[in-house]
Amino acid sequence: MQEFDLEIKDKKGSENYVADHLSRLTIDEKLFNILIRSWFAKMTNFEAVGALPDDLTWHQKKKFFRDVKHLVWNDPYLFKIGANNLLRRCVTQKEARRILWHCHSSPYGGHYNGERTAIKVLQSGFFWPTFCKDAHKYVQRCDKCQRIGGLSRRNEMPLQSILEVEAFDY
């Protein structure tokens, strides 16, 4: 480093909105999840302090502003306003895996197909951009679902008793 003439300049907290906002948060798991550069972090930083990500192209900025219109920041959670005006809490990918387990594999879940699992995610009040695709992938990877296959009522044996008749009962 001595061969380079390096000068580090730091912005004041009032000029660096993201750093100022993060400095006021308590250090916990939520802070570390927000620091990950994902859609959730970009939307949260914009809603909390109005900081626009620097790495967006013109088209990405246009889509970003269109998506932000449907978000509400209620500290410490980010909510999405759905088409039916219901608020759904935005979650990170780590939380999404646990939600998918509960909506598919838990006793409440019932091991239904990907579409039904995605509907249960929405009914539970959660949202992330790829929840439909993630639900279908989760069901495809479910070991129990793959072993049982697509059994339906039509494939099951009838549960009626068989009447036994001897040849010369008359």
N, C-alpha and C. Protein backbone atom coordinates (compact mmCIF):
# COMPACT_ATOMS: atom_id res chain seq x y z
N MET A 1 0.81 -1.19 0.00
CA MET A 1 0.00 0.00 0.00
C MET A 1 0.86 1.26 0.00
N GLN A 2 2.14 1.16 0.32
CA GLN A 2 2.97 2.34 0.41
C GLN A 2 3.30 2.91 -0.96
N GLU A 3 3.22 2.09 -2.00
CA GLU A 3 3.53 2.60 -3.32
C GLU A 3 2.39 3.41 -3.92
N PHE A 4 1.21 3.40 -3.28
CA PHE A 4 0.07 4.17 -3.74
C PHE A 4 -0.14 5.36 -2.83
N ASP A 5 -0.50 6.47 -3.42
CA ASP A 5 -0.86 7.65 -2.63
C ASP A 5 -2.36 7.59 -2.41
N LEU A 6 -2.78 7.12 -1.25
CA LEU A 6 -4.18 6.83 -0.98
C LEU A 6 -4.70 7.76 0.11
N GLU A 7 -5.81 8.40 -0.19
CA GLU A 7 -6.45 9.26 0.80
C GLU A 7 -7.90 8.81 0.93
N ILE A 8 -8.33 8.52 2.15
CA ILE A 8 -9.69 8.04 2.39
C ILE A 8 -10.52 9.22 2.87
N LYS A 9 -11.62 9.48 2.15
CA LYS A 9 -12.53 10.56 2.51
C LYS A 9 -13.83 9.94 2.97
N ASP A 10 -14.34 10.41 4.06
CA ASP A 10 -15.58 9.89 4.62
C ASP A 10 -16.63 10.98 4.60
N LYS A 11 -17.84 10.60 4.24
CA LYS A 11 -18.94 11.57 4.24
C LYS A 11 -19.53 11.69 5.63
N LYS A 12 -20.09 12.83 5.93
CA LYS A 12 -20.80 13.01 7.18
C LYS A 12 -22.04 12.12 7.17
N GLY A 13 -22.54 11.81 8.34
CA GLY A 13 -23.75 10.99 8.43
C GLY A 13 -24.93 11.64 7.76
N SER A 14 -24.97 12.98 7.75
CA SER A 14 -26.09 13.67 7.13
C SER A 14 -26.07 13.55 5.61
N GLU A 15 -24.88 13.31 5.02
CA GLU A 15 -24.79 13.17 3.58
C GLU A 15 -24.91 11.71 3.14
N ASN A 16 -24.48 10.80 3.97
CA ASN A 16 -24.53 9.38 3.64
C ASN A 16 -25.73 8.77 4.36
N TYR A 17 -26.90 8.78 3.71
CA TYR A 17 -28.15 8.42 4.35
C TYR A 17 -28.20 6.96 4.79
N VAL A 18 -27.67 6.05 3.97
CA VAL A 18 -27.72 4.64 4.31
C VAL A 18 -26.88 4.37 5.54
N ALA A 19 -25.66 4.91 5.57
CA ALA A 19 -24.80 4.70 6.74
C ALA A 19 -25.41 5.35 7.98
N ASP A 20 -26.02 6.50 7.83
CA ASP A 20 -26.65 7.18 8.95
C ASP A 20 -27.80 6.34 9.51
N HIS A 21 -28.62 5.78 8.61
CA HIS A 21 -29.73 4.94 9.04
C HIS A 21 -29.22 3.68 9.73
N LEU A 22 -28.20 3.03 9.14
CA LEU A 22 -27.68 1.80 9.71
C LEU A 22 -27.00 2.05 11.05
N SER A 23 -26.42 3.23 11.24
CA SER A 23 -25.76 3.52 12.51
C SER A 23 -26.77 3.66 13.65
N ARG A 24 -28.01 3.97 13.32
CA ARG A 24 -29.03 4.12 14.36
C ARG A 24 -29.69 2.80 14.73
N LEU A 25 -29.53 1.77 13.89
CA LEU A 25 -30.13 0.47 14.18
C LEU A 25 -29.30 -0.26 15.22
N THR A 26 -29.97 -1.13 15.98
CA THR A 26 -29.24 -1.98 16.90
C THR A 26 -28.65 -3.14 16.12
N ILE A 27 -27.50 -3.63 16.56
CA ILE A 27 -26.84 -4.74 15.85
C ILE A 27 -27.56 -6.02 16.20
N ASP A 28 -28.16 -6.64 15.23
CA ASP A 28 -28.78 -7.95 15.41
C ASP A 28 -28.88 -8.62 14.05
N GLU A 29 -29.60 -9.74 14.00
CA GLU A 29 -29.69 -10.50 12.75
C GLU A 29 -30.38 -9.70 11.66
N LYS A 30 -31.36 -8.87 12.00
CA LYS A 30 -32.07 -8.10 10.98
C LYS A 30 -31.14 -7.15 10.28
N LEU A 31 -30.21 -6.56 11.02
CA LEU A 31 -29.26 -5.65 10.41
C LEU A 31 -28.38 -6.39 9.41
N PHE A 32 -27.92 -7.57 9.77
CA PHE A 32 -27.08 -8.34 8.85
C PHE A 32 -27.86 -8.77 7.61
N ASN A 33 -29.14 -9.09 7.78
CA ASN A 33 -29.96 -9.44 6.62
C ASN A 33 -30.16 -8.24 5.71
N ILE A 34 -30.28 -7.03 6.29
CA ILE A 34 -30.48 -5.83 5.48
C ILE A 34 -29.20 -5.49 4.71
N LEU A 35 -28.06 -5.76 5.31
CA LEU A 35 -26.79 -5.42 4.66
C LEU A 35 -26.53 -6.24 3.40
N ILE A 36 -27.16 -7.40 3.27
CA ILE A 36 -26.99 -8.22 2.07
C ILE A 36 -27.62 -7.46 0.90
N ARG A 37 -26.86 -7.30 -0.19
CA ARG A 37 -27.36 -6.54 -1.33
C ARG A 37 -28.35 -7.37 -2.13
N SER A 38 -29.58 -7.33 -1.75
CA SER A 38 -30.64 -8.05 -2.43
C SER A 38 -31.77 -7.07 -2.73
N TRP A 39 -32.81 -7.58 -3.33
CA TRP A 39 -33.96 -6.72 -3.61
C TRP A 39 -34.51 -6.16 -2.31
N PHE A 40 -34.50 -6.99 -1.27
CA PHE A 40 -35.02 -6.57 0.02
C PHE A 40 -34.22 -5.41 0.60
N ALA A 41 -32.89 -5.49 0.50
CA ALA A 41 -32.03 -4.44 1.03
C ALA A 41 -32.21 -3.14 0.25
N LYS A 42 -32.30 -3.24 -1.07
CA LYS A 42 -32.48 -2.04 -1.89
C LYS A 42 -33.80 -1.34 -1.58
N MET A 43 -34.86 -2.14 -1.49
CA MET A 43 -36.18 -1.56 -1.21
C MET A 43 -36.24 -0.99 0.20
N THR A 44 -35.65 -1.70 1.17
CA THR A 44 -35.68 -1.24 2.56
C THR A 44 -34.91 0.06 2.72
N ASN A 45 -33.72 0.13 2.13
CA ASN A 45 -32.92 1.35 2.23
C ASN A 45 -33.64 2.53 1.57
N PHE A 46 -34.31 2.28 0.44
CA PHE A 46 -35.01 3.37 -0.23
C PHE A 46 -36.20 3.83 0.61
N GLU A 47 -36.97 2.87 1.15
CA GLU A 47 -38.14 3.24 1.94
C GLU A 47 -37.76 3.89 3.26
N ALA A 48 -36.66 3.44 3.88
CA ALA A 48 -36.28 3.97 5.19
C ALA A 48 -35.64 5.35 5.10
N VAL A 49 -34.71 5.52 4.15
CA VAL A 49 -33.95 6.78 4.12
C VAL A 49 -33.95 7.45 2.75
N GLY A 50 -34.59 6.86 1.75
CA GLY A 50 -34.64 7.48 0.44
C GLY A 50 -33.37 7.31 -0.38
N ALA A 51 -32.56 6.31 -0.07
CA ALA A 51 -31.29 6.10 -0.79
C ALA A 51 -31.53 5.20 -2.00
N LEU A 52 -31.23 5.71 -3.18
CA LEU A 52 -31.37 4.96 -4.42
C LEU A 52 -30.09 4.19 -4.70
N PRO A 53 -30.18 2.91 -5.04
CA PRO A 53 -28.96 2.15 -5.36
C PRO A 53 -28.23 2.74 -6.55
N ASP A 54 -26.90 2.73 -6.49
CA ASP A 54 -26.08 3.34 -7.54
C ASP A 54 -25.93 2.47 -8.78
N ASP A 55 -26.06 1.16 -8.64
CA ASP A 55 -25.72 0.24 -9.71
C ASP A 55 -26.88 -0.08 -10.65
N LEU A 56 -27.90 0.77 -10.72
CA LEU A 56 -29.07 0.50 -11.56
C LEU A 56 -28.97 1.22 -12.90
N THR A 57 -29.40 0.53 -13.96
CA THR A 57 -29.49 1.15 -15.27
C THR A 57 -30.80 1.95 -15.34
N TRP A 58 -31.02 2.61 -16.47
CA TRP A 58 -32.22 3.42 -16.63
C TRP A 58 -33.48 2.56 -16.52
N HIS A 59 -33.48 1.40 -17.19
CA HIS A 59 -34.65 0.51 -17.15
C HIS A 59 -34.86 -0.06 -15.76
N GLN A 60 -33.76 -0.40 -15.07
CA GLN A 60 -33.87 -0.93 -13.72
C GLN A 60 -34.40 0.13 -12.76
N LYS A 61 -34.00 1.38 -12.94
CA LYS A 61 -34.52 2.47 -12.10
C LYS A 61 -36.02 2.66 -12.33
N LYS A 62 -36.42 2.58 -13.59
CA LYS A 62 -37.84 2.72 -13.92
C LYS A 62 -38.67 1.62 -13.25
N LYS A 63 -38.18 0.37 -13.32
CA LYS A 63 -38.86 -0.75 -12.67
C LYS A 63 -38.81 -0.61 -11.15
N PHE A 64 -37.69 -0.14 -10.63
CA PHE A 64 -37.52 0.05 -9.19
C PHE A 64 -38.57 1.03 -8.66
N PHE A 65 -38.74 2.17 -9.32
CA PHE A 65 -39.72 3.16 -8.87
C PHE A 65 -41.15 2.64 -9.02
N ARG A 66 -41.40 1.84 -10.05
CA ARG A 66 -42.72 1.25 -10.22
C ARG A 66 -43.02 0.27 -9.08
N ASP A 67 -42.01 -0.52 -8.66
CA ASP A 67 -42.20 -1.48 -7.58
C ASP A 67 -42.31 -0.80 -6.21
N VAL A 68 -41.58 0.29 -6.02
CA VAL A 68 -41.56 0.98 -4.73
C VAL A 68 -42.91 1.61 -4.41
N LYS A 69 -43.69 1.94 -5.44
CA LYS A 69 -45.00 2.54 -5.22
C LYS A 69 -45.90 1.64 -4.37
N HIS A 70 -45.66 0.33 -4.43
CA HIS A 70 -46.52 -0.63 -3.74
C HIS A 70 -45.94 -1.09 -2.41
N LEU A 71 -44.96 -0.37 -1.89
CA LEU A 71 -44.32 -0.76 -0.63
C LEU A 71 -44.59 0.26 0.47
N VAL A 72 -44.63 -0.24 1.70
CA VAL A 72 -44.82 0.60 2.87
C VAL A 72 -43.78 0.19 3.90
N TRP A 73 -43.05 1.17 4.44
CA TRP A 73 -42.05 0.90 5.47
C TRP A 73 -42.66 1.21 6.83
N ASN A 74 -42.76 0.20 7.68
CA ASN A 74 -43.21 0.37 9.06
C ASN A 74 -42.14 -0.26 9.92
N ASP A 75 -41.26 0.57 10.45
CA ASP A 75 -40.05 0.13 11.14
C ASP A 75 -40.34 -0.99 12.11
N PRO A 76 -39.74 -2.13 12.07
CA PRO A 76 -38.60 -2.59 11.29
C PRO A 76 -39.00 -3.45 10.09
N TYR A 77 -40.27 -3.42 9.66
CA TYR A 77 -40.72 -4.30 8.59
C TYR A 77 -41.06 -3.53 7.32
N LEU A 78 -40.94 -4.23 6.20
CA LEU A 78 -41.32 -3.70 4.90
C LEU A 78 -42.54 -4.49 4.43
N PHE A 79 -43.57 -3.80 4.00
CA PHE A 79 -44.81 -4.44 3.57
C PHE A 79 -45.09 -4.09 2.11
N LYS A 80 -45.73 -5.03 1.41
CA LYS A 80 -46.15 -4.81 0.02
C LYS A 80 -47.66 -4.74 0.01
N ILE A 81 -48.19 -3.75 -0.69
CA ILE A 81 -49.63 -3.61 -0.84
C ILE A 81 -50.04 -4.44 -2.05
N GLY A 82 -50.88 -5.44 -1.83
CA GLY A 82 -51.31 -6.33 -2.91
C GLY A 82 -52.40 -5.71 -3.75
N ALA A 83 -52.81 -6.46 -4.78
CA ALA A 83 -53.86 -5.98 -5.68
C ALA A 83 -55.18 -5.80 -4.95
N ASN A 84 -55.40 -6.59 -3.90
CA ASN A 84 -56.64 -6.50 -3.13
C ASN A 84 -56.47 -5.61 -1.90
N ASN A 85 -55.44 -4.75 -1.90
CA ASN A 85 -55.13 -3.80 -0.83
C ASN A 85 -54.81 -4.45 0.51
N LEU A 86 -54.36 -5.71 0.50
CA LEU A 86 -53.90 -6.36 1.71
C LEU A 86 -52.40 -6.15 1.85
N LEU A 87 -51.95 -5.93 3.07
CA LEU A 87 -50.52 -5.78 3.32
C LEU A 87 -49.91 -7.14 3.56
N ARG A 88 -48.80 -7.42 2.87
CA ARG A 88 -48.05 -8.65 3.07
C ARG A 88 -46.63 -8.28 3.42
N ARG A 89 -46.07 -8.93 4.45
CA ARG A 89 -44.72 -8.61 4.92
C ARG A 89 -43.69 -9.16 3.96
N CYS A 90 -42.77 -8.32 3.51
CA CYS A 90 -41.67 -8.74 2.64
C CYS A 90 -40.63 -9.44 3.50
N VAL A 91 -40.14 -10.56 3.00
CA VAL A 91 -39.17 -11.36 3.75
C VAL A 91 -37.94 -11.61 2.90
N THR A 92 -36.85 -11.98 3.58
CA THR A 92 -35.60 -12.32 2.89
C THR A 92 -35.66 -13.77 2.44
N GLN A 93 -34.68 -14.19 1.65
CA GLN A 93 -34.65 -15.57 1.15
C GLN A 93 -34.48 -16.57 2.29
N LYS A 94 -33.77 -16.19 3.33
CA LYS A 94 -33.57 -17.09 4.48
C LYS A 94 -34.91 -17.36 5.17
N GLU A 95 -35.70 -16.31 5.38
CA GLU A 95 -37.02 -16.48 5.98
C GLU A 95 -37.96 -17.22 5.03
N ALA A 96 -37.78 -17.02 3.74
CA ALA A 96 -38.67 -17.63 2.75
C ALA A 96 -38.60 -19.15 2.80
N ARG A 97 -37.39 -19.70 3.02
CA ARG A 97 -37.26 -21.17 3.10
C ARG A 97 -38.06 -21.73 4.27
N ARG A 98 -38.03 -21.05 5.40
CA ARG A 98 -38.80 -21.53 6.56
C ARG A 98 -40.30 -21.40 6.32
N ILE A 99 -40.70 -20.32 5.66
CA ILE A 99 -42.12 -20.13 5.36
C ILE A 99 -42.61 -21.21 4.42
N LEU A 100 -41.81 -21.55 3.41
CA LEU A 100 -42.20 -22.62 2.48
C LEU A 100 -42.33 -23.95 3.21
N TRP A 101 -41.44 -24.22 4.16
CA TRP A 101 -41.55 -25.47 4.91
C TRP A 101 -42.87 -25.51 5.66
N HIS A 102 -43.24 -24.41 6.31
CA HIS A 102 -44.48 -24.38 7.07
C HIS A 102 -45.70 -24.48 6.16
N CYS A 103 -45.65 -23.86 4.99
CA CYS A 103 -46.81 -23.88 4.08
C CYS A 103 -46.92 -25.18 3.28
N HIS A 104 -45.87 -26.01 3.29
CA HIS A 104 -45.92 -27.25 2.51
C HIS A 104 -45.75 -28.50 3.36
N SER A 105 -44.73 -28.55 4.19
CA SER A 105 -44.36 -29.79 4.87
C SER A 105 -44.90 -29.93 6.28
N SER A 106 -45.30 -28.85 6.91
CA SER A 106 -45.81 -28.95 8.28
C SER A 106 -47.19 -29.62 8.28
N PRO A 107 -47.70 -30.00 9.44
CA PRO A 107 -49.05 -30.59 9.48
C PRO A 107 -50.11 -29.66 8.89
N TYR A 108 -49.90 -28.36 9.00
CA TYR A 108 -50.82 -27.40 8.39
C TYR A 108 -50.70 -27.41 6.87
N GLY A 109 -49.49 -27.72 6.37
CA GLY A 109 -49.21 -27.61 4.94
C GLY A 109 -49.95 -28.62 4.08
N GLY A 110 -49.84 -29.88 4.39
CA GLY A 110 -50.58 -30.89 3.66
C GLY A 110 -49.92 -31.42 2.41
N HIS A 111 -48.70 -31.03 2.08
CA HIS A 111 -47.96 -31.52 0.91
C HIS A 111 -48.75 -31.36 -0.38
N TYR A 112 -49.30 -30.18 -0.60
CA TYR A 112 -50.01 -29.90 -1.85
C TYR A 112 -49.02 -29.46 -2.92
N ASN A 113 -49.52 -29.23 -4.13
CA ASN A 113 -48.65 -28.85 -5.26
C ASN A 113 -48.11 -27.43 -5.08
N GLY A 114 -47.26 -27.01 -6.01
CA GLY A 114 -46.60 -25.71 -5.92
C GLY A 114 -47.56 -24.54 -5.95
N GLU A 115 -48.61 -24.65 -6.77
CA GLU A 115 -49.57 -23.55 -6.87
C GLU A 115 -50.32 -23.36 -5.56
N ARG A 116 -50.75 -24.46 -4.96
CA ARG A 116 -51.48 -24.39 -3.68
C ARG A 116 -50.55 -23.89 -2.56
N THR A 117 -49.28 -24.30 -2.59
CA THR A 117 -48.32 -23.83 -1.60
C THR A 117 -48.10 -22.33 -1.74
N ALA A 118 -48.00 -21.84 -2.98
CA ALA A 118 -47.84 -20.40 -3.21
C ALA A 118 -49.05 -19.62 -2.70
N ILE A 119 -50.23 -20.17 -2.87
CA ILE A 119 -51.45 -19.52 -2.37
C ILE A 119 -51.42 -19.46 -0.85
N LYS A 120 -50.92 -20.53 -0.21
CA LYS A 120 -50.83 -20.53 1.25
C LYS A 120 -49.83 -19.49 1.75
N VAL A 121 -48.76 -19.26 0.98
CA VAL A 121 -47.80 -18.21 1.34
C VAL A 121 -48.50 -16.86 1.35
N LEU A 122 -49.29 -16.58 0.32
CA LEU A 122 -50.01 -15.31 0.25
C LEU A 122 -51.07 -15.21 1.35
N GLN A 123 -51.77 -16.31 1.62
CA GLN A 123 -52.78 -16.30 2.67
C GLN A 123 -52.16 -16.11 4.05
N SER A 124 -50.91 -16.51 4.21
CA SER A 124 -50.21 -16.34 5.48
C SER A 124 -49.72 -14.92 5.66
N GLY A 125 -49.74 -14.12 4.61
CA GLY A 125 -49.39 -12.71 4.72
C GLY A 125 -47.93 -12.40 4.45
N PHE A 126 -47.25 -13.19 3.60
CA PHE A 126 -45.85 -12.97 3.28
C PHE A 126 -45.68 -12.74 1.79
N PHE A 127 -44.56 -12.08 1.44
CA PHE A 127 -44.27 -11.80 0.03
C PHE A 127 -42.77 -11.74 -0.18
N TRP A 128 -42.32 -12.26 -1.30
CA TRP A 128 -41.01 -12.01 -1.88
C TRP A 128 -41.19 -12.18 -3.38
N PRO A 129 -40.35 -11.57 -4.20
CA PRO A 129 -40.62 -11.50 -5.64
C PRO A 129 -40.74 -12.84 -6.35
N THR A 130 -40.05 -13.85 -5.87
CA THR A 130 -40.04 -15.13 -6.59
C THR A 130 -40.77 -16.22 -5.83
N PHE A 131 -41.82 -15.86 -5.08
CA PHE A 131 -42.46 -16.87 -4.23
C PHE A 131 -43.13 -17.98 -5.04
N CYS A 132 -43.69 -17.69 -6.21
CA CYS A 132 -44.33 -18.74 -7.02
C CYS A 132 -43.29 -19.73 -7.53
N LYS A 133 -42.21 -19.23 -8.10
CA LYS A 133 -41.16 -20.09 -8.62
C LYS A 133 -40.51 -20.90 -7.50
N ASP A 134 -40.28 -20.26 -6.36
CA ASP A 134 -39.68 -20.95 -5.22
C ASP A 134 -40.59 -22.03 -4.67
N ALA A 135 -41.90 -21.79 -4.65
CA ALA A 135 -42.84 -22.80 -4.16
C ALA A 135 -42.84 -24.02 -5.07
N HIS A 136 -42.83 -23.81 -6.38
CA HIS A 136 -42.79 -24.95 -7.32
C HIS A 136 -41.50 -25.74 -7.17
N LYS A 137 -40.37 -25.05 -7.02
CA LYS A 137 -39.09 -25.74 -6.83
C LYS A 137 -39.07 -26.51 -5.52
N TYR A 138 -39.64 -25.93 -4.48
CA TYR A 138 -39.65 -26.59 -3.17
C TYR A 138 -40.45 -27.89 -3.24
N VAL A 139 -41.59 -27.86 -3.92
CA VAL A 139 -42.42 -29.05 -4.05
C VAL A 139 -41.71 -30.12 -4.88
N GLN A 140 -41.01 -29.70 -5.93
CA GLN A 140 -40.27 -30.66 -6.75
C GLN A 140 -39.15 -31.33 -5.98
N ARG A 141 -38.59 -30.66 -4.99
CA ARG A 141 -37.50 -31.23 -4.19
C ARG A 141 -38.00 -31.97 -2.95
N CYS A 142 -39.29 -31.93 -2.68
CA CYS A 142 -39.84 -32.59 -1.48
C CYS A 142 -39.78 -34.10 -1.66
N ASP A 143 -39.06 -34.77 -0.77
CA ASP A 143 -38.86 -36.21 -0.88
C ASP A 143 -40.17 -36.97 -0.73
N LYS A 144 -40.99 -36.59 0.23
CA LYS A 144 -42.26 -37.28 0.46
C LYS A 144 -43.19 -37.17 -0.75
N CYS A 145 -43.24 -35.97 -1.35
CA CYS A 145 -44.10 -35.78 -2.53
C CYS A 145 -43.61 -36.60 -3.71
N GLN A 146 -42.30 -36.71 -3.87
CA GLN A 146 -41.75 -37.47 -4.99
C GLN A 146 -41.98 -38.97 -4.82
N ARG A 147 -41.97 -39.46 -3.60
CA ARG A 147 -42.21 -40.90 -3.38
C ARG A 147 -43.66 -41.27 -3.59
N ILE A 148 -44.58 -40.43 -3.13
CA ILE A 148 -46.00 -40.73 -3.25
C ILE A 148 -46.49 -40.51 -4.67
N GLY A 149 -46.00 -39.48 -5.31
CA GLY A 149 -46.41 -39.19 -6.68
C GLY A 149 -47.73 -38.46 -6.71
N GLY A 150 -48.43 -38.55 -7.82
CA GLY A 150 -49.68 -37.82 -8.01
C GLY A 150 -50.90 -38.68 -7.77
N LEU A 151 -51.03 -39.25 -6.59
CA LEU A 151 -52.22 -40.05 -6.29
C LEU A 151 -53.43 -39.14 -6.11
N SER A 152 -54.52 -39.56 -6.65
CA SER A 152 -55.76 -38.81 -6.47
C SER A 152 -56.84 -39.77 -6.01
N ARG A 153 -58.02 -39.27 -5.80
CA ARG A 153 -59.14 -40.14 -5.39
C ARG A 153 -59.43 -41.20 -6.46
N ARG A 154 -59.20 -40.85 -7.68
CA ARG A 154 -59.47 -41.79 -8.78
C ARG A 154 -58.54 -43.00 -8.71
N ASN A 155 -57.31 -42.79 -8.26
CA ASN A 155 -56.34 -43.88 -8.21
C ASN A 155 -56.46 -44.73 -6.94
N GLU A 156 -57.19 -44.27 -5.95
CA GLU A 156 -57.30 -45.02 -4.71
C GLU A 156 -58.31 -46.15 -4.86
N MET A 157 -58.12 -47.19 -4.08
CA MET A 157 -59.06 -48.31 -4.08
C MET A 157 -60.32 -47.90 -3.33
N PRO A 158 -61.48 -48.37 -3.77
CA PRO A 158 -62.71 -48.03 -3.05
C PRO A 158 -62.73 -48.69 -1.67
N LEU A 159 -63.30 -48.00 -0.70
CA LEU A 159 -63.36 -48.52 0.66
C LEU A 159 -64.72 -49.14 0.94
N GLN A 160 -65.17 -50.00 0.04
CA GLN A 160 -66.46 -50.68 0.22
C GLN A 160 -66.17 -52.15 0.49
N SER A 161 -66.96 -52.70 1.38
CA SER A 161 -66.76 -54.12 1.68
C SER A 161 -67.24 -54.98 0.51
N ILE A 162 -66.59 -56.11 0.35
CA ILE A 162 -66.94 -57.02 -0.74
C ILE A 162 -67.92 -58.05 -0.19
N LEU A 163 -69.03 -58.23 -0.87
CA LEU A 163 -70.03 -59.19 -0.45
C LEU A 163 -69.59 -60.54 -0.98
N GLU A 164 -69.36 -61.48 -0.05
CA GLU A 164 -68.94 -62.82 -0.46
C GLU A 164 -70.17 -63.67 -0.64
N VAL A 165 -70.29 -64.33 -1.77
CA VAL A 165 -71.41 -65.19 -2.07
C VAL A 165 -70.87 -66.57 -2.43
N GLU A 166 -71.38 -67.59 -1.76
CA GLU A 166 -70.99 -68.97 -2.09
C GLU A 166 -71.72 -69.39 -3.35
N ALA A 167 -71.20 -70.33 -4.05
CA ALA A 167 -71.77 -70.76 -5.32
C ALA A 167 -73.16 -71.33 -5.17
N PHE A 168 -73.45 -72.11 -4.09
CA PHE A 168 -74.76 -72.75 -3.97
C PHE A 168 -75.51 -72.26 -2.74
N ASP A 169 -75.54 -70.90 -2.54
CA ASP A 169 -76.25 -70.33 -1.38
C ASP A 169 -77.75 -70.26 -1.59
N TYR A 170 -78.27 -70.49 -2.74
CA TYR A 170 -79.70 -70.34 -3.00
C TYR A 170 -80.47 -71.39 -2.28
